[in-house]
PDB file of N, CA and C in Angstrom:
ATOM      1  N   UNK A   1       3.302 -14.874 -28.351  1.00  0.00           N
ATOM      2  CA  UNK A   1       4.271 -14.164 -27.537  1.00  0.00           C
ATOM      3  C   UNK A   1       4.904 -13.073 -28.410  1.00  0.00           C
ATOM      4  N   UNK A   2       4.997 -11.851 -27.867  1.00  0.00           N
ATOM      5  CA  UNK A   2       5.565 -10.744 -28.629  1.00  0.00           C
ATOM      6  C   UNK A   2       7.086 -10.874 -28.729  1.00  0.00           C
ATOM      7  N   UNK A   3       7.657 -10.110 -29.642  1.00  0.00           N
ATOM      8  CA  UNK A   3       9.111 -10.108 -29.790  1.00  0.00           C
ATOM      9  C   UNK A   3       9.790  -9.650 -28.498  1.00  0.00           C
ATOM     10  N   UNK A   4       9.181  -8.670 -27.829  1.00  0.00           N
ATOM     11  CA  UNK A   4       9.751  -8.182 -26.568  1.00  0.00           C
ATOM     12  C   UNK A   4       9.737  -9.282 -25.516  1.00  0.00           C
ATOM     13  N   UNK A   5       8.645 -10.006 -25.418  1.00  0.00           N
ATOM     14  CA  UNK A   5       8.568 -11.099 -24.450  1.00  0.00           C
ATOM     15  C   UNK A   5       9.589 -12.192 -24.767  1.00  0.00           C
ATOM     16  N   UNK A   6       9.740 -12.508 -26.041  1.00  0.00           N
ATOM     17  CA  UNK A   6      10.732 -13.510 -26.446  1.00  0.00           C
ATOM     18  C   UNK A   6      12.135 -13.050 -26.076  1.00  0.00           C
ATOM     19  N   UNK A   7      12.415 -11.762 -26.322  1.00  0.00           N
ATOM     20  CA  UNK A   7      13.725 -11.207 -26.004  1.00  0.00           C
ATOM     21  C   UNK A   7      13.977 -11.275 -24.502  1.00  0.00           C
ATOM     22  N   UNK A   8      12.957 -10.897 -23.706  1.00  0.00           N
ATOM     23  CA  UNK A   8      13.105 -10.919 -22.249  1.00  0.00           C
ATOM     24  C   UNK A   8      13.368 -12.339 -21.764  1.00  0.00           C
ATOM     25  N   UNK A   9      12.617 -13.310 -22.271  1.00  0.00           N
ATOM     26  CA  UNK A   9      12.817 -14.701 -21.869  1.00  0.00           C
ATOM     27  C   UNK A   9      14.238 -15.170 -22.184  1.00  0.00           C
ATOM     28  N   UNK A  10      14.741 -14.781 -23.343  1.00  0.00           N
ATOM     29  CA  UNK A  10      16.106 -15.153 -23.717  1.00  0.00           C
ATOM     30  C   UNK A  10      17.113 -14.501 -22.768  1.00  0.00           C
ATOM     31  N   UNK A  11      16.910 -13.215 -22.470  1.00  0.00           N
ATOM     32  CA  UNK A  11      17.828 -12.502 -21.595  1.00  0.00           C
ATOM     33  C   UNK A  11      17.800 -13.056 -20.169  1.00  0.00           C
ATOM     34  N   UNK A  12      16.648 -13.508 -19.719  1.00  0.00           N
ATOM     35  CA  UNK A  12      16.534 -14.048 -18.364  1.00  0.00           C
ATOM     36  C   UNK A  12      17.328 -15.333 -18.169  1.00  0.00           C
ATOM     37  N   UNK A  13      17.772 -15.931 -19.255  1.00  0.00           N
ATOM     38  CA  UNK A  13      18.622 -17.113 -19.148  1.00  0.00           C
ATOM     39  C   UNK A  13      20.059 -16.737 -18.790  1.00  0.00           C
ATOM     40  N   UNK A  14      20.405 -15.457 -18.934  1.00  0.00           N
ATOM     41  CA  UNK A  14      21.714 -14.953 -18.544  1.00  0.00           C
ATOM     42  C   UNK A  14      21.674 -14.679 -17.038  1.00  0.00           C
ATOM     43  N   UNK A  15      22.503 -15.350 -16.231  1.00  0.00           N
ATOM     44  CA  UNK A  15      22.446 -15.199 -14.772  1.00  0.00           C
ATOM     45  C   UNK A  15      22.639 -13.750 -14.285  1.00  0.00           C
ATOM     46  N   UNK A  16      23.500 -12.992 -14.920  1.00  0.00           N
ATOM     47  CA  UNK A  16      23.715 -11.601 -14.501  1.00  0.00           C
ATOM     48  C   UNK A  16      22.475 -10.750 -14.784  1.00  0.00           C
ATOM     49  N   UNK A  17      21.881 -10.944 -15.944  1.00  0.00           N
ATOM     50  CA  UNK A  17      20.669 -10.208 -16.294  1.00  0.00           C
ATOM     51  C   UNK A  17      19.547 -10.583 -15.332  1.00  0.00           C
ATOM     52  N   UNK A  18      19.373 -11.871 -15.079  1.00  0.00           N
ATOM     53  CA  UNK A  18      18.307 -12.340 -14.190  1.00  0.00           C
ATOM     54  C   UNK A  18      18.469 -11.777 -12.793  1.00  0.00           C
ATOM     55  N   UNK A  19      19.690 -11.728 -12.303  1.00  0.00           N
ATOM     56  CA  UNK A  19      19.941 -11.199 -10.961  1.00  0.00           C
ATOM     57  C   UNK A  19      19.501  -9.733 -10.873  1.00  0.00           C
ATOM     58  N   UNK A  20      19.874  -8.943 -11.855  1.00  0.00           N
ATOM     59  CA  UNK A  20      19.500  -7.525 -11.877  1.00  0.00           C
ATOM     60  C   UNK A  20      17.993  -7.359 -12.079  1.00  0.00           C
ATOM     61  N   UNK A  21      17.427  -8.164 -12.959  1.00  0.00           N
ATOM     62  CA  UNK A  21      15.973  -8.125 -13.205  1.00  0.00           C
ATOM     63  C   UNK A  21      15.217  -8.422 -11.907  1.00  0.00           C
ATOM     64  N   UNK A  22      15.617  -9.460 -11.216  1.00  0.00           N
ATOM     65  CA  UNK A  22      14.960  -9.840  -9.964  1.00  0.00           C
ATOM     66  C   UNK A  22      15.126  -8.766  -8.893  1.00  0.00           C
ATOM     67  N   UNK A  23      16.286  -8.117  -8.877  1.00  0.00           N
ATOM     68  CA  UNK A  23      16.562  -7.091  -7.868  1.00  0.00           C
ATOM     69  C   UNK A  23      15.697  -5.845  -8.056  1.00  0.00           C
ATOM     70  N   UNK A  24      15.274  -5.577  -9.267  1.00  0.00           N
ATOM     71  CA  UNK A  24      14.498  -4.359  -9.529  1.00  0.00           C
ATOM     72  C   UNK A  24      13.014  -4.621  -9.771  1.00  0.00           C
ATOM     73  N   UNK A  25      12.616  -5.864  -9.753  1.00  0.00           N
ATOM     74  CA  UNK A  25      11.226  -6.217 -10.076  1.00  0.00           C
ATOM     75  C   UNK A  25      10.215  -5.566  -9.134  1.00  0.00           C
ATOM     76  N   UNK A  26      10.476  -5.553  -7.826  1.00  0.00           N
ATOM     77  CA  UNK A  26       9.521  -4.976  -6.885  1.00  0.00           C
ATOM     78  C   UNK A  26       9.344  -3.479  -7.107  1.00  0.00           C
ATOM     79  N   UNK A  27      10.441  -2.771  -7.336  1.00  0.00           N
ATOM     80  CA  UNK A  27      10.334  -1.333  -7.606  1.00  0.00           C
ATOM     81  C   UNK A  27       9.531  -1.089  -8.878  1.00  0.00           C
ATOM     82  N   UNK A  28       9.783  -1.889  -9.890  1.00  0.00           N
ATOM     83  CA  UNK A  28       9.042  -1.759 -11.146  1.00  0.00           C
ATOM     84  C   UNK A  28       7.549  -2.001 -10.917  1.00  0.00           C
ATOM     85  N   UNK A  29       7.223  -3.018 -10.134  1.00  0.00           N
ATOM     86  CA  UNK A  29       5.821  -3.332  -9.856  1.00  0.00           C
ATOM     87  C   UNK A  29       5.128  -2.196  -9.108  1.00  0.00           C
ATOM     88  N   UNK A  30       5.821  -1.574  -8.170  1.00  0.00           N
ATOM     89  CA  UNK A  30       5.252  -0.437  -7.445  1.00  0.00           C
ATOM     90  C   UNK A  30       5.009   0.714  -8.414  1.00  0.00           C
ATOM     91  N   UNK A  31       5.978   0.991  -9.248  1.00  0.00           N
ATOM     92  CA  UNK A  31       5.843   2.066 -10.241  1.00  0.00           C
ATOM     93  C   UNK A  31       4.648   1.814 -11.150  1.00  0.00           C
ATOM     94  N   UNK A  32       4.545   0.603 -11.670  1.00  0.00           N
ATOM     95  CA  UNK A  32       3.425   0.267 -12.564  1.00  0.00           C
ATOM     96  C   UNK A  32       2.087   0.389 -11.842  1.00  0.00           C
ATOM     97  N   UNK A  33       2.044   0.000 -10.550  1.00  0.00           N
ATOM     98  CA  UNK A  33       0.802   0.088  -9.780  1.00  0.00           C
ATOM     99  C   UNK A  33       0.373   1.545  -9.593  1.00  0.00           C
ATOM    100  N   UNK A  34       1.326   2.427  -9.339  1.00  0.00           N
ATOM    101  CA  UNK A  34       1.013   3.851  -9.178  1.00  0.00           C
ATOM    102  C   UNK A  34       0.456   4.407 -10.485  1.00  0.00           C
ATOM    103  N   UNK A  35       1.127   4.121 -11.571  1.00  0.00           N
ATOM    104  CA  UNK A  35       0.682   4.624 -12.877  1.00  0.00           C
ATOM    105  C   UNK A  35      -0.712   4.081 -13.196  1.00  0.00           C
ATOM    106  N   UNK A  36      -0.918   2.789 -12.993  1.00  0.00           N
ATOM    107  CA  UNK A  36      -2.214   2.179 -13.297  1.00  0.00           C
ATOM    108  C   UNK A  36      -3.327   2.779 -12.441  1.00  0.00           C
ATOM    109  N   UNK A  37      -3.044   3.002 -11.151  1.00  0.00           N
ATOM    110  CA  UNK A  37      -4.058   3.580 -10.259  1.00  0.00           C
ATOM    111  C   UNK A  37      -4.386   5.011 -10.663  1.00  0.00           C
ATOM    112  N   UNK A  38      -3.374   5.772 -11.032  1.00  0.00           N
ATOM    113  CA  UNK A  38      -3.603   7.166 -11.447  1.00  0.00           C
ATOM    114  C   UNK A  38      -4.429   7.212 -12.729  1.00  0.00           C
ATOM    115  N   UNK A  39      -4.099   6.364 -13.688  1.00  0.00           N
ATOM    116  CA  UNK A  39      -4.843   6.329 -14.951  1.00  0.00           C
ATOM    117  C   UNK A  39      -6.278   5.849 -14.707  1.00  0.00           C
ATOM    118  N   UNK A  40      -6.449   4.839 -13.859  1.00  0.00           N
ATOM    119  CA  UNK A  40      -7.790   4.336 -13.544  1.00  0.00           C
ATOM    120  C   UNK A  40      -8.638   5.413 -12.870  1.00  0.00           C
ATOM    121  N   UNK A  41      -7.982   6.285 -12.089  1.00  0.00           N
ATOM    122  CA  UNK A  41      -8.689   7.386 -11.430  1.00  0.00           C
ATOM    123  C   UNK A  41      -8.895   8.560 -12.384  1.00  0.00           C
ATOM    124  N   UNK A  42      -8.411   8.401 -13.617  1.00  0.00           N
ATOM    125  CA  UNK A  42      -8.533   9.445 -14.641  1.00  0.00           C
ATOM    126  C   UNK A  42      -7.908  10.766 -14.171  1.00  0.00           C
ATOM    127  N   UNK A  43      -6.704  10.654 -13.587  1.00  0.00           N
ATOM    128  CA  UNK A  43      -5.994  11.819 -13.061  1.00  0.00           C
ATOM    129  C   UNK A  43      -4.702  12.055 -13.810  1.00  0.00           C
ATOM    130  N   UNK A  44      -4.358  13.321 -13.942  1.00  0.00           N
ATOM    131  CA  UNK A  44      -3.040  13.676 -14.443  1.00  0.00           C
ATOM    132  C   UNK A  44      -2.074  13.681 -13.263  1.00  0.00           C
ATOM    133  N   UNK A  45      -0.796  13.737 -13.565  1.00  0.00           N
ATOM    134  CA  UNK A  45       0.184  13.866 -12.484  1.00  0.00           C
ATOM    135  C   UNK A  45      -0.063  15.149 -11.699  1.00  0.00           C
ATOM    136  N   UNK A  46      -0.410  16.211 -12.389  1.00  0.00           N
ATOM    137  CA  UNK A  46      -0.671  17.494 -11.727  1.00  0.00           C
ATOM    138  C   UNK A  46      -1.845  17.378 -10.759  1.00  0.00           C
ATOM    139  N   UNK A  47      -2.912  16.723 -11.178  1.00  0.00           N
ATOM    140  CA  UNK A  47      -4.072  16.548 -10.303  1.00  0.00           C
ATOM    141  C   UNK A  47      -3.718  15.697  -9.086  1.00  0.00           C
ATOM    142  N   UNK A  48      -2.947  14.640  -9.311  1.00  0.00           N
ATOM    143  CA  UNK A  48      -2.519  13.797  -8.192  1.00  0.00           C
ATOM    144  C   UNK A  48      -1.636  14.588  -7.241  1.00  0.00           C
ATOM    145  N   UNK A  49      -0.786  15.428  -7.778  1.00  0.00           N
ATOM    146  CA  UNK A  49       0.071  16.264  -6.939  1.00  0.00           C
ATOM    147  C   UNK A  49      -0.769  17.163  -6.031  1.00  0.00           C
ATOM    148  N   UNK A  50      -1.792  17.770  -6.606  1.00  0.00           N
ATOM    149  CA  UNK A  50      -2.661  18.659  -5.834  1.00  0.00           C
ATOM    150  C   UNK A  50      -3.394  17.903  -4.734  1.00  0.00           C
ATOM    151  N   UNK A  51      -3.841  16.689  -5.023  1.00  0.00           N
ATOM    152  CA  UNK A  51      -4.606  15.907  -4.047  1.00  0.00           C
ATOM    153  C   UNK A  51      -3.734  15.216  -3.007  1.00  0.00           C
ATOM    154  N   UNK A  52      -2.493  14.925  -3.368  1.00  0.00           N
ATOM    155  CA  UNK A  52      -1.626  14.163  -2.465  1.00  0.00           C
ATOM    156  C   UNK A  52      -0.637  15.026  -1.691  1.00  0.00           C
ATOM    157  N   UNK A  53      -0.385  16.224  -2.196  1.00  0.00           N
ATOM    158  CA  UNK A  53       0.633  17.063  -1.564  1.00  0.00           C
ATOM    159  C   UNK A  53       2.049  16.707  -1.985  1.00  0.00           C
ATOM    160  N   UNK A  54       2.183  15.796  -2.937  1.00  0.00           N
ATOM    161  CA  UNK A  54       3.500  15.407  -3.475  1.00  0.00           C
ATOM    162  C   UNK A  54       3.704  16.211  -4.750  1.00  0.00           C
ATOM    163  N   UNK A  55       4.866  16.838  -4.882  1.00  0.00           N
ATOM    164  CA  UNK A  55       5.118  17.661  -6.073  1.00  0.00           C
ATOM    165  C   UNK A  55       5.004  16.822  -7.351  1.00  0.00           C
ATOM    166  N   UNK A  56       4.481  17.462  -8.391  1.00  0.00           N
ATOM    167  CA  UNK A  56       4.317  16.784  -9.671  1.00  0.00           C
ATOM    168  C   UNK A  56       5.652  16.275 -10.193  1.00  0.00           C
ATOM    169  N   UNK A  57       6.709  17.045  -9.985  1.00  0.00           N
ATOM    170  CA  UNK A  57       8.027  16.610 -10.454  1.00  0.00           C
ATOM    171  C   UNK A  57       8.472  15.329  -9.739  1.00  0.00           C
ATOM    172  N   UNK A  58       8.110  15.188  -8.472  1.00  0.00           N
ATOM    173  CA  UNK A  58       8.452  13.959  -7.749  1.00  0.00           C
ATOM    174  C   UNK A  58       7.617  12.777  -8.246  1.00  0.00           C
ATOM    175  N   UNK A  59       6.350  13.029  -8.545  1.00  0.00           N
ATOM    176  CA  UNK A  59       5.508  11.964  -9.100  1.00  0.00           C
ATOM    177  C   UNK A  59       6.083  11.502 -10.433  1.00  0.00           C
ATOM    178  N   UNK A  60       6.514  12.445 -11.243  1.00  0.00           N
ATOM    179  CA  UNK A  60       7.123  12.107 -12.530  1.00  0.00           C
ATOM    180  C   UNK A  60       8.357  11.238 -12.336  1.00  0.00           C
ATOM    181  N   UNK A  61       9.207  11.604 -11.388  1.00  0.00           N
ATOM    182  CA  UNK A  61      10.425  10.824 -11.143  1.00  0.00           C
ATOM    183  C   UNK A  61      10.092   9.410 -10.651  1.00  0.00           C
ATOM    184  N   UNK A  62       9.083   9.317  -9.808  1.00  0.00           N
ATOM    185  CA  UNK A  62       8.664   7.987  -9.327  1.00  0.00           C
ATOM    186  C   UNK A  62       8.156   7.160 -10.502  1.00  0.00           C
ATOM    187  N   UNK A  63       7.308   7.772 -11.330  1.00  0.00           N
ATOM    188  CA  UNK A  63       6.710   7.034 -12.442  1.00  0.00           C
ATOM    189  C   UNK A  63       7.722   6.656 -13.522  1.00  0.00           C
ATOM    190  N   UNK A  64       8.782   7.437 -13.677  1.00  0.00           N
ATOM    191  CA  UNK A  64       9.752   7.044 -14.710  1.00  0.00           C
ATOM    192  C   UNK A  64      10.895   6.216 -14.139  1.00  0.00           C
ATOM    193  N   UNK A  65      10.804   5.888 -12.839  1.00  0.00           N
ATOM    194  CA  UNK A  65      11.754   4.957 -12.236  1.00  0.00           C
ATOM    195  C   UNK A  65      13.074   5.541 -11.798  1.00  0.00           C
ATOM    196  N   UNK A  66      13.187   6.866 -11.752  1.00  0.00           N
ATOM    197  CA  UNK A  66      14.456   7.461 -11.327  1.00  0.00           C
ATOM    198  C   UNK A  66      14.463   7.809  -9.845  1.00  0.00           C
ATOM    199  N   UNK A  67      13.376   7.519  -9.158  1.00  0.00           N
ATOM    200  CA  UNK A  67      13.269   7.825  -7.737  1.00  0.00           C
ATOM    201  C   UNK A  67      12.454   6.727  -7.071  1.00  0.00           C
ATOM    202  N   UNK A  68      12.906   6.255  -5.921  1.00  0.00           N
ATOM    203  CA  UNK A  68      12.152   5.252  -5.170  1.00  0.00           C
ATOM    204  C   UNK A  68      11.379   5.951  -4.061  1.00  0.00           C
ATOM    205  N   UNK A  69      10.055   5.797  -4.039  1.00  0.00           N
ATOM    206  CA  UNK A  69       9.260   6.496  -3.027  1.00  0.00           C
ATOM    207  C   UNK A  69       9.390   5.860  -1.646  1.00  0.00           C
ATOM    208  N   UNK A  70       9.260   6.690  -0.634  1.00  0.00           N
ATOM    209  CA  UNK A  70       9.227   6.185   0.742  1.00  0.00           C
ATOM    210  C   UNK A  70       7.813   5.684   1.034  1.00  0.00           C
ATOM    211  N   UNK A  71       7.658   5.008   2.146  1.00  0.00           N
ATOM    212  CA  UNK A  71       6.326   4.556   2.562  1.00  0.00           C
ATOM    213  C   UNK A  71       5.418   5.766   2.776  1.00  0.00           C
ATOM    214  N   UNK A  72       5.942   6.825   3.374  1.00  0.00           N
ATOM    215  CA  UNK A  72       5.139   8.030   3.599  1.00  0.00           C
ATOM    216  C   UNK A  72       4.656   8.621   2.274  1.00  0.00           C
ATOM    217  N   UNK A  73       5.513   8.624   1.277  1.00  0.00           N
ATOM    218  CA  UNK A  73       5.112   9.128  -0.040  1.00  0.00           C
ATOM    219  C   UNK A  73       4.053   8.232  -0.657  1.00  0.00           C
ATOM    220  N   UNK A  74       4.234   6.928  -0.547  1.00  0.00           N
ATOM    221  CA  UNK A  74       3.236   5.998  -1.076  1.00  0.00           C
ATOM    222  C   UNK A  74       1.885   6.185  -0.377  1.00  0.00           C
ATOM    223  N   UNK A  75       1.913   6.436   0.934  1.00  0.00           N
ATOM    224  CA  UNK A  75       0.675   6.674   1.668  1.00  0.00           C
ATOM    225  C   UNK A  75      -0.009   7.949   1.178  1.00  0.00           C
ATOM    226  N   UNK A  76       0.774   8.991   0.947  1.00  0.00           N
ATOM    227  CA  UNK A  76       0.207  10.253   0.457  1.00  0.00           C
ATOM    228  C   UNK A  76      -0.378  10.071  -0.942  1.00  0.00           C
ATOM    229  N   UNK A  77       0.310   9.332  -1.791  1.00  0.00           N
ATOM    230  CA  UNK A  77      -0.206   9.073  -3.138  1.00  0.00           C
ATOM    231  C   UNK A  77      -1.494   8.266  -3.074  1.00  0.00           C
ATOM    232  N   UNK A  78      -1.526   7.242  -2.227  1.00  0.00           N
ATOM    233  CA  UNK A  78      -2.735   6.429  -2.079  1.00  0.00           C
ATOM    234  C   UNK A  78      -3.901   7.296  -1.608  1.00  0.00           C
ATOM    235  N   UNK A  79      -3.648   8.142  -0.633  1.00  0.00           N
ATOM    236  CA  UNK A  79      -4.697   9.027  -0.129  1.00  0.00           C
ATOM    237  C   UNK A  79      -5.185   9.954  -1.244  1.00  0.00           C
ATOM    238  N   UNK A  80      -4.264  10.511  -2.016  1.00  0.00           N
ATOM    239  CA  UNK A  80      -4.628  11.380  -3.125  1.00  0.00           C
ATOM    240  C   UNK A  80      -5.444  10.667  -4.188  1.00  0.00           C
ATOM    241  N   UNK A  81      -5.244   9.370  -4.294  1.00  0.00           N
ATOM    242  CA  UNK A  81      -5.992   8.557  -5.258  1.00  0.00           C
ATOM    243  C   UNK A  81      -7.303   8.036  -4.672  1.00  0.00           C
ATOM    244  N   UNK A  82      -7.542   8.351  -3.391  1.00  0.00           N
ATOM    245  CA  UNK A  82      -8.741   7.840  -2.735  1.00  0.00           C
ATOM    246  C   UNK A  82      -8.640   6.369  -2.413  1.00  0.00           C
ATOM    247  N   UNK A  83      -7.409   5.920  -2.170  1.00  0.00           N
ATOM    248  CA  UNK A  83      -7.160   4.505  -1.926  1.00  0.00           C
ATOM    249  C   UNK A  83      -6.423   4.345  -0.598  1.00  0.00           C
ATOM    250  N   UNK A  84      -6.247   3.110  -0.219  1.00  0.00           N
ATOM    251  CA  UNK A  84      -5.485   2.772   0.978  1.00  0.00           C
ATOM    252  C   UNK A  84      -4.249   1.997   0.548  1.00  0.00           C
ATOM    253  N   UNK A  85      -3.096   2.358   1.111  1.00  0.00           N
ATOM    254  CA  UNK A  85      -1.865   1.633   0.811  1.00  0.00           C
ATOM    255  C   UNK A  85      -1.864   0.321   1.578  1.00  0.00           C
ATOM    256  N   UNK A  86      -1.574  -0.752   0.871  1.00  0.00           N
ATOM    257  CA  UNK A  86      -1.463  -2.057   1.504  1.00  0.00           C
ATOM    258  C   UNK A  86      -0.127  -2.683   1.087  1.00  0.00           C
ATOM    259  N   UNK A  87       0.585  -3.208   2.050  1.00  0.00           N
ATOM    260  CA  UNK A  87       1.866  -3.865   1.786  1.00  0.00           C
ATOM    261  C   UNK A  87       1.711  -5.310   2.243  1.00  0.00           C
ATOM    262  N   UNK A  88       2.201  -6.232   1.441  1.00  0.00           N
ATOM    263  CA  UNK A  88       2.113  -7.637   1.840  1.00  0.00           C
ATOM    264  C   UNK A  88       3.440  -8.337   1.604  1.00  0.00           C
ATOM    265  N   UNK A  89       3.639  -9.374   2.361  1.00  0.00           N
ATOM    266  CA  UNK A  89       4.809 -10.229   2.207  1.00  0.00           C
ATOM    267  C   UNK A  89       4.313 -11.612   1.861  1.00  0.00           C
ATOM    268  N   UNK A  90       4.954 -12.251   0.896  1.00  0.00           N
ATOM    269  CA  UNK A  90       4.536 -13.601   0.503  1.00  0.00           C
ATOM    270  C   UNK A  90       5.558 -14.592   0.965  1.00  0.00           C
TER     271      UNK A  90
END
């Protein structure tokens, strides 16, 4: 286990930290999925912007976590990546 993982596990024992971590986990997962899909497609943000119609600056904000994308934006990004957006509830 890395030092970062050990630190995170320790912090998750703090109820306030855990509450905030849990509240932002889904947004983080969406962000990571977008970045992973773009990298797997071997695309730059600029190329994705051209294919999706979403400005590169907006893609950057989504990827760095300062902006939460709408479903319409996620659909446009998926289309630009040659993928289909799928949402599931567990």
